[in-house]
C-alpha atoms as a PDB file:
ATOM      1  CA  MET A   1       0.131  -0.490   0.647  1.00  0.00           C
ATOM      2  CA  ASN A   2       1.298   2.627  -0.974  1.00  0.00           C
ATOM      3  CA  ASN A   3       1.445   6.663   1.444  1.00  0.00           C
ATOM      4  CA  ASN A   4      -1.377   7.526  -0.177  1.00  0.00           C
ATOM      5  CA  SER A   5      -3.671   4.276   0.194  1.00  0.00           C
ATOM      6  CA  GLN A   6      -2.750   4.041   3.682  1.00  0.00           C
ATOM      7  CA  PHE A   7      -3.077   8.021   4.503  1.00  0.00           C
ATOM      8  CA  ALA A   8      -5.997   7.944   3.264  1.00  0.00           C
ATOM      9  CA  ASN A   9      -7.521   4.379   4.511  1.00  0.00           C
ATOM     10  CA  GLU A  10      -6.112   5.861   8.148  1.00  0.00           C
ATOM     11  CA  ASN A  11      -8.579   8.587   7.561  1.00  0.00           C
ATOM     12  CA  ASN A  12     -11.826   7.882   6.550  1.00  0.00           C
ATOM     13  CA  ILE A  13     -11.197  10.041   3.511  1.00  0.00           C
ATOM     14  CA  ASP A  14     -10.933   8.904  -0.982  1.00  0.00           C
ATOM     15  CA  GLU A  15      -7.073   7.693  -2.232  1.00  0.00           C
ATOM     16  CA  LYS A  16      -7.611  11.217  -5.204  1.00  0.00           C
ATOM     17  CA  THR A  17      -8.347  13.340  -2.259  1.00  0.00           C
ATOM     18  CA  VAL A  18      -4.772  12.630  -0.279  1.00  0.00           C
ATOM     19  CA  ARG A  19      -3.777  13.045  -4.505  1.00  0.00           C
ATOM     20  CA  ARG A  20      -4.995  16.661  -4.436  1.00  0.00           C
ATOM     21  CA  ILE A  21      -3.974  17.773  -1.378  1.00  0.00           C
ATOM     22  CA  ARG A  22       0.027  16.606  -2.074  1.00  0.00           C
ATOM     23  CA  GLU A  23      -0.145  17.983  -5.775  1.00  0.00           C
ATOM     24  CA  ASP A  24      -2.329  20.945  -6.316  1.00  0.00           C
ATOM     25  CA  ASN A  25      -1.484  23.583  -4.141  1.00  0.00           C
ATOM     26  CA  LYS A  26      -5.126  25.588  -5.451  1.00  0.00           C
ATOM     27  CA  TYR A  27      -6.708  22.872  -3.950  1.00  0.00           C
ATOM     28  CA  GLN A  28      -9.060  23.512  -1.281  1.00  0.00           C
ATOM     29  CA  ILE A  29     -10.013  20.879   1.259  1.00  0.00           C
ATOM     30  CA  SER A  30     -13.286  21.170   2.166  1.00  0.00           C
ATOM     31  CA  LEU A  31     -14.265  20.719   6.118  1.00  0.00           C
ATOM     32  CA  ILE A  32     -15.676  17.474   5.592  1.00  0.00           C
ATOM     33  CA  THR A  33     -12.012  16.338   4.488  1.00  0.00           C
ATOM     34  CA  ILE A  34     -10.665  18.365   8.050  1.00  0.00           C
ATOM     35  CA  MET A  35     -13.204  16.813  10.437  1.00  0.00           C
ATOM     36  CA  ARG A  36     -12.685  13.679   8.589  1.00  0.00           C
ATOM     37  CA  ILE A  37      -8.646  13.501   9.298  1.00  0.00           C
ATOM     38  CA  CYS A  38      -9.435  15.436  12.871  1.00  0.00           C
ATOM     39  CA  GLU A  39     -11.163  12.777  13.826  1.00  0.00           C
ATOM     40  CA  ALA A  40      -9.044   9.951  13.153  1.00  0.00           C
ATOM     41  CA  GLN A  41      -5.769  11.948  14.498  1.00  0.00           C
ATOM     42  CA  ASN A  42      -7.707  13.066  17.949  1.00  0.00           C
ATOM     43  CA  ILE A  43      -7.596  16.795  16.974  1.00  0.00           C
ATOM     44  CA  LYS A  44     -10.204  19.012  17.867  1.00  0.00           C
ATOM     45  CA  LEU A  45     -11.615  21.079  14.889  1.00  0.00           C
ATOM     46  CA  SER A  46     -10.468  24.528  17.432  1.00  0.00           C
ATOM     47  CA  LYS A  47      -6.642  22.898  17.966  1.00  0.00           C
ATOM     48  CA  PHE A  48      -6.424  21.635  13.547  1.00  0.00           C
ATOM     49  CA  PHE A  49      -6.844  26.080  13.120  1.00  0.00           C
ATOM     50  CA  GLU A  50      -4.396  26.498  15.909  1.00  0.00           C
ATOM     51  CA  MET A  51      -1.916  25.153  14.092  1.00  0.00           C
ATOM     52  CA  VAL A  52      -1.973  26.204  10.611  1.00  0.00           C
ATOM     53  CA  GLY A  53      -2.221  28.828  12.274  1.00  0.00           C
ATOM     54  CA  LEU A  54      -5.941  29.959  11.808  1.00  0.00           C
END
């Protein structure tokens, strides 16, 4: 399993989404995707936004 597949599976998101996030600098990640990643990583959404400086 490649890194994109593993990340997608571990975070309950589509592998195509992972590729877009990593390869397309203009891709705008959806809030739902951010929420899924945060949930899978046991990170509160507020903490995520704090971590990225928003």
